[in-house]
């Protein structure tokens, strides 16, 4: 019986590996390769989604930092640091999600970041909020710290 690779990889990557292992033991190499290909695609998509989500979250907090300075908090500092950390970890795990890849999804993540920032700032989707584009420097290099008087 030929596995439904899309359904299987979506349901459980570990179960997929087990089925592939069984196919190899049964010397069903062509089917096992199809499973590996589908597993690879699924894992790649998952990492891309995770990176995009973290980048949008990071951008949202930087937008809030820039446009709501009176509400800055240690929580925002931690969220910015955490999102940067998670992006670095994703890149270590999946080196193809490098700076070039990030630039390719930058605008979409920025739009998502705007939507997140608006929601967190209590603005409706219809409220006008047209922030200046964020730069690489803003997102990955700038220090966001609270200065205490």
C-alpha atoms as a PDB file:
ATOM      1  CA  UNK A   1       0.000   0.000   0.000  1.00  0.00           C
ATOM      2  CA  UNK A   2       1.381   3.360  -1.076  1.00  0.00           C
ATOM      3  CA  UNK A   3       1.383   5.912   1.776  1.00  0.00           C
ATOM      4  CA  UNK A   4      -0.352   9.263   1.377  1.00  0.00           C
ATOM      5  CA  UNK A   5       2.830  11.247   1.909  1.00  0.00           C
ATOM      6  CA  UNK A   6       1.178  14.666   2.112  1.00  0.00           C
ATOM      7  CA  UNK A   7      -1.272  13.527   4.774  1.00  0.00           C
ATOM      8  CA  UNK A   8       1.391  11.587   6.667  1.00  0.00           C
ATOM      9  CA  UNK A   9       3.990  14.390   6.730  1.00  0.00           C
ATOM     10  CA  UNK A  10       1.315  16.881   7.755  1.00  0.00           C
ATOM     11  CA  UNK A  11       0.113  14.657  10.578  1.00  0.00           C
ATOM     12  CA  UNK A  12       3.472  13.545  11.978  1.00  0.00           C
ATOM     13  CA  UNK A  13       7.042  13.879  10.834  1.00  0.00           C
ATOM     14  CA  UNK A  14       8.105  11.120  13.236  1.00  0.00           C
ATOM     15  CA  UNK A  15       5.509   8.714  11.839  1.00  0.00           C
ATOM     16  CA  UNK A  16       6.743   9.607   8.356  1.00  0.00           C
ATOM     17  CA  UNK A  17      10.297   8.669   9.290  1.00  0.00           C
ATOM     18  CA  UNK A  18       9.054   5.357  10.672  1.00  0.00           C
ATOM     19  CA  UNK A  19       7.201   4.538   7.454  1.00  0.00           C
ATOM     20  CA  UNK A  20      10.262   5.477   5.395  1.00  0.00           C
ATOM     21  CA  UNK A  21      12.418   3.237   7.599  1.00  0.00           C
ATOM     22  CA  UNK A  22      10.004   0.331   7.060  1.00  0.00           C
ATOM     23  CA  UNK A  23      10.084   0.905   3.298  1.00  0.00           C
ATOM     24  CA  UNK A  24      13.890   0.849   3.283  1.00  0.00           C
ATOM     25  CA  UNK A  25      13.882  -2.402   5.270  1.00  0.00           C
ATOM     26  CA  UNK A  26      11.483  -3.809   2.660  1.00  0.00           C
ATOM     27  CA  UNK A  27      13.817  -2.509  -0.087  1.00  0.00           C
ATOM     28  CA  UNK A  28      11.091  -0.230  -1.455  1.00  0.00           C
ATOM     29  CA  UNK A  29      13.656   2.458  -2.185  1.00  0.00           C
ATOM     30  CA  UNK A  30      11.747   4.452  -4.784  1.00  0.00           C
ATOM     31  CA  UNK A  31       8.738   4.849  -2.493  1.00  0.00           C
ATOM     32  CA  UNK A  32      11.035   5.692   0.441  1.00  0.00           C
ATOM     33  CA  UNK A  33      12.662   8.429  -1.667  1.00  0.00           C
ATOM     34  CA  UNK A  34       9.237   9.884  -2.453  1.00  0.00           C
ATOM     35  CA  UNK A  35       8.559   9.956   1.268  1.00  0.00           C
ATOM     36  CA  UNK A  36      11.888  11.655   1.953  1.00  0.00           C
ATOM     37  CA  UNK A  37      11.180  14.272  -0.702  1.00  0.00           C
ATOM     38  CA  UNK A  38       7.762  15.057   0.776  1.00  0.00           C
ATOM     39  CA  UNK A  39       9.177  15.128   4.305  1.00  0.00           C
ATOM     40  CA  UNK A  40      11.906  17.526   3.201  1.00  0.00           C
ATOM     41  CA  UNK A  41       9.349  19.824   1.549  1.00  0.00           C
ATOM     42  CA  UNK A  42       7.118  19.778   4.626  1.00  0.00           C
ATOM     43  CA  UNK A  43       9.988  20.520   6.997  1.00  0.00           C
ATOM     44  CA  UNK A  44      11.252  23.316   4.751  1.00  0.00           C
ATOM     45  CA  UNK A  45       7.811  24.943   4.642  1.00  0.00           C
ATOM     46  CA  UNK A  46       7.520  24.659   8.402  1.00  0.00           C
ATOM     47  CA  UNK A  47      10.851  26.399   8.963  1.00  0.00           C
ATOM     48  CA  UNK A  48       9.958  29.115   6.462  1.00  0.00           C
ATOM     49  CA  UNK A  49       6.640  29.727   8.241  1.00  0.00           C
ATOM     50  CA  UNK A  50       8.414  29.863  11.597  1.00  0.00           C
ATOM     51  CA  UNK A  51      10.984  32.355  10.333  1.00  0.00           C
ATOM     52  CA  UNK A  52       8.288  34.524   8.740  1.00  0.00           C
ATOM     53  CA  UNK A  53       6.241  34.474  11.922  1.00  0.00           C
ATOM     54  CA  UNK A  54       9.215  35.490  14.055  1.00  0.00           C
ATOM     55  CA  UNK A  55      10.223  38.213  11.591  1.00  0.00           C
ATOM     56  CA  UNK A  56       6.692  39.671  11.542  1.00  0.00           C
ATOM     57  CA  UNK A  57       6.566  39.548  15.374  1.00  0.00           C
ATOM     58  CA  UNK A  58       9.960  41.253  15.556  1.00  0.00           C
ATOM     59  CA  UNK A  59       8.894  43.955  13.110  1.00  0.00           C
ATOM     60  CA  UNK A  60       5.634  44.529  14.983  1.00  0.00           C
ATOM     61  CA  UNK A  61       7.459  45.181  18.241  1.00  0.00           C
ATOM     62  CA  UNK A  62       9.960  47.484  16.571  1.00  0.00           C
ATOM     63  CA  UNK A  63       7.088  49.422  15.007  1.00  0.00           C
ATOM     64  CA  UNK A  64       5.426  49.705  18.407  1.00  0.00           C
ATOM     65  CA  UNK A  65       8.764  50.824  19.870  1.00  0.00           C
ATOM     66  CA  UNK A  66       9.091  53.565  17.256  1.00  0.00           C
ATOM     67  CA  UNK A  67       5.471  54.735  17.166  1.00  0.00           C
ATOM     68  CA  UNK A  68       4.399  54.278  20.799  1.00  0.00           C
ATOM     69  CA  UNK A  69       7.490  55.328  22.751  1.00  0.00           C
ATOM     70  CA  UNK A  70       5.457  56.236  25.832  1.00  0.00           C
ATOM     71  CA  UNK A  71       4.434  52.578  26.211  1.00  0.00           C
ATOM     72  CA  UNK A  72       7.882  51.017  25.928  1.00  0.00           C
ATOM     73  CA  UNK A  73       8.408  48.223  28.388  1.00  0.00           C
ATOM     74  CA  UNK A  74      10.862  45.552  29.407  1.00  0.00           C
ATOM     75  CA  UNK A  75       8.440  43.072  27.849  1.00  0.00           C
ATOM     76  CA  UNK A  76       9.014  44.677  24.437  1.00  0.00           C
ATOM     77  CA  UNK A  77      12.792  44.550  24.932  1.00  0.00           C
ATOM     78  CA  UNK A  78      12.533  40.843  25.758  1.00  0.00           C
ATOM     79  CA  UNK A  79      10.258  40.128  22.805  1.00  0.00           C
ATOM     80  CA  UNK A  80      12.636  41.832  20.375  1.00  0.00           C
ATOM     81  CA  UNK A  81      15.604  39.905  21.792  1.00  0.00           C
ATOM     82  CA  UNK A  82      13.632  36.658  21.774  1.00  0.00           C
ATOM     83  CA  UNK A  83      12.496  37.017  18.154  1.00  0.00           C
ATOM     84  CA  UNK A  84      16.059  37.770  17.043  1.00  0.00           C
ATOM     85  CA  UNK A  85      17.275  34.707  18.958  1.00  0.00           C
ATOM     86  CA  UNK A  86      14.609  32.466  17.394  1.00  0.00           C
ATOM     87  CA  UNK A  87      15.468  33.701  13.895  1.00  0.00           C
ATOM     88  CA  UNK A  88      19.163  32.936  14.489  1.00  0.00           C
ATOM     89  CA  UNK A  89      18.269  29.436  15.726  1.00  0.00           C
ATOM     90  CA  UNK A  90      16.069  28.773  12.693  1.00  0.00           C
ATOM     91  CA  UNK A  91      18.923  29.913  10.451  1.00  0.00           C
ATOM     92  CA  UNK A  92      21.363  27.592  12.226  1.00  0.00           C
ATOM     93  CA  UNK A  93      18.974  24.679  11.716  1.00  0.00           C
ATOM     94  CA  UNK A  94      18.176  25.674   8.110  1.00  0.00           C
ATOM     95  CA  UNK A  95      21.119  27.615   6.619  1.00  0.00           C
ATOM     96  CA  UNK A  96      19.238  28.254   3.354  1.00  0.00           C
ATOM     97  CA  UNK A  97      17.023  30.684   5.293  1.00  0.00           C
ATOM     98  CA  UNK A  98      19.779  33.263   5.113  1.00  0.00           C
ATOM     99  CA  UNK A  99      19.828  37.012   4.551  1.00  0.00           C
ATOM    100  CA  UNK A 100      18.909  36.554   0.882  1.00  0.00           C
ATOM    101  CA  UNK A 101      15.839  34.540   1.858  1.00  0.00           C
ATOM    102  CA  UNK A 102      14.855  37.100   4.507  1.00  0.00           C
ATOM    103  CA  UNK A 103      15.054  39.880   1.916  1.00  0.00           C
ATOM    104  CA  UNK A 104      12.758  37.852  -0.356  1.00  0.00           C
ATOM    105  CA  UNK A 105      10.014  37.764   2.315  1.00  0.00           C
ATOM    106  CA  UNK A 106      10.753  41.152   3.878  1.00  0.00           C
ATOM    107  CA  UNK A 107       7.820  43.100   2.430  1.00  0.00           C
ATOM    108  CA  UNK A 108       5.231  40.428   3.256  1.00  0.00           C
ATOM    109  CA  UNK A 109       6.549  40.128   6.805  1.00  0.00           C
ATOM    110  CA  UNK A 110       6.543  43.920   7.140  1.00  0.00           C
ATOM    111  CA  UNK A 111       2.865  44.036   6.118  1.00  0.00           C
ATOM    112  CA  UNK A 112       2.095  41.288   8.648  1.00  0.00           C
ATOM    113  CA  UNK A 113       4.121  43.202  11.246  1.00  0.00           C
ATOM    114  CA  UNK A 114       2.045  46.317  10.588  1.00  0.00           C
ATOM    115  CA  UNK A 115      -1.160  44.323  11.132  1.00  0.00           C
ATOM    116  CA  UNK A 116       0.193  42.839  14.378  1.00  0.00           C
ATOM    117  CA  UNK A 117       1.394  46.227  15.620  1.00  0.00           C
ATOM    118  CA  UNK A 118      -1.961  47.833  14.855  1.00  0.00           C
ATOM    119  CA  UNK A 119      -3.795  45.123  16.781  1.00  0.00           C
ATOM    120  CA  UNK A 120      -1.438  45.432  19.740  1.00  0.00           C
ATOM    121  CA  UNK A 121      -1.706  49.250  19.700  1.00  0.00           C
ATOM    122  CA  UNK A 122      -5.494  49.023  19.806  1.00  0.00           C
ATOM    123  CA  UNK A 123      -6.001  50.228  16.237  1.00  0.00           C
ATOM    124  CA  UNK A 124      -8.614  48.682  13.986  1.00  0.00           C
ATOM    125  CA  UNK A 125      -7.676  47.262  10.610  1.00  0.00           C
ATOM    126  CA  UNK A 126      -9.371  50.313   9.057  1.00  0.00           C
ATOM    127  CA  UNK A 127      -7.327  52.836  11.065  1.00  0.00           C
ATOM    128  CA  UNK A 128      -4.636  54.585   9.072  1.00  0.00           C
ATOM    129  CA  UNK A 129      -1.135  53.563  10.100  1.00  0.00           C
ATOM    130  CA  UNK A 130       1.538  54.023   7.448  1.00  0.00           C
ATOM    131  CA  UNK A 131       4.884  53.596   9.163  1.00  0.00           C
ATOM    132  CA  UNK A 132       8.144  54.197   7.380  1.00  0.00           C
ATOM    133  CA  UNK A 133       9.702  50.993   6.062  1.00  0.00           C
ATOM    134  CA  UNK A 134      12.027  49.234   8.476  1.00  0.00           C
ATOM    135  CA  UNK A 135      15.638  48.728   7.485  1.00  0.00           C
ATOM    136  CA  UNK A 136      17.907  45.772   8.160  1.00  0.00           C
ATOM    137  CA  UNK A 137      19.635  48.008  10.725  1.00  0.00           C
ATOM    138  CA  UNK A 138      16.311  48.681  12.475  1.00  0.00           C
ATOM    139  CA  UNK A 139      15.380  45.018  12.629  1.00  0.00           C
ATOM    140  CA  UNK A 140      18.639  43.201  13.314  1.00  0.00           C
ATOM    141  CA  UNK A 141      21.290  45.647  14.489  1.00  0.00           C
ATOM    142  CA  UNK A 142      19.678  48.438  16.486  1.00  0.00           C
ATOM    143  CA  UNK A 143      19.792  48.178  20.280  1.00  0.00           C
ATOM    144  CA  UNK A 144      16.400  48.461  21.946  1.00  0.00           C
ATOM    145  CA  UNK A 145      16.953  49.150  25.619  1.00  0.00           C
ATOM    146  CA  UNK A 146      15.126  51.075  28.279  1.00  0.00           C
ATOM    147  CA  UNK A 147      17.007  54.012  29.701  1.00  0.00           C
ATOM    148  CA  UNK A 148      16.135  54.706  33.312  1.00  0.00           C
ATOM    149  CA  UNK A 149      16.411  58.257  34.576  1.00  0.00           C
END
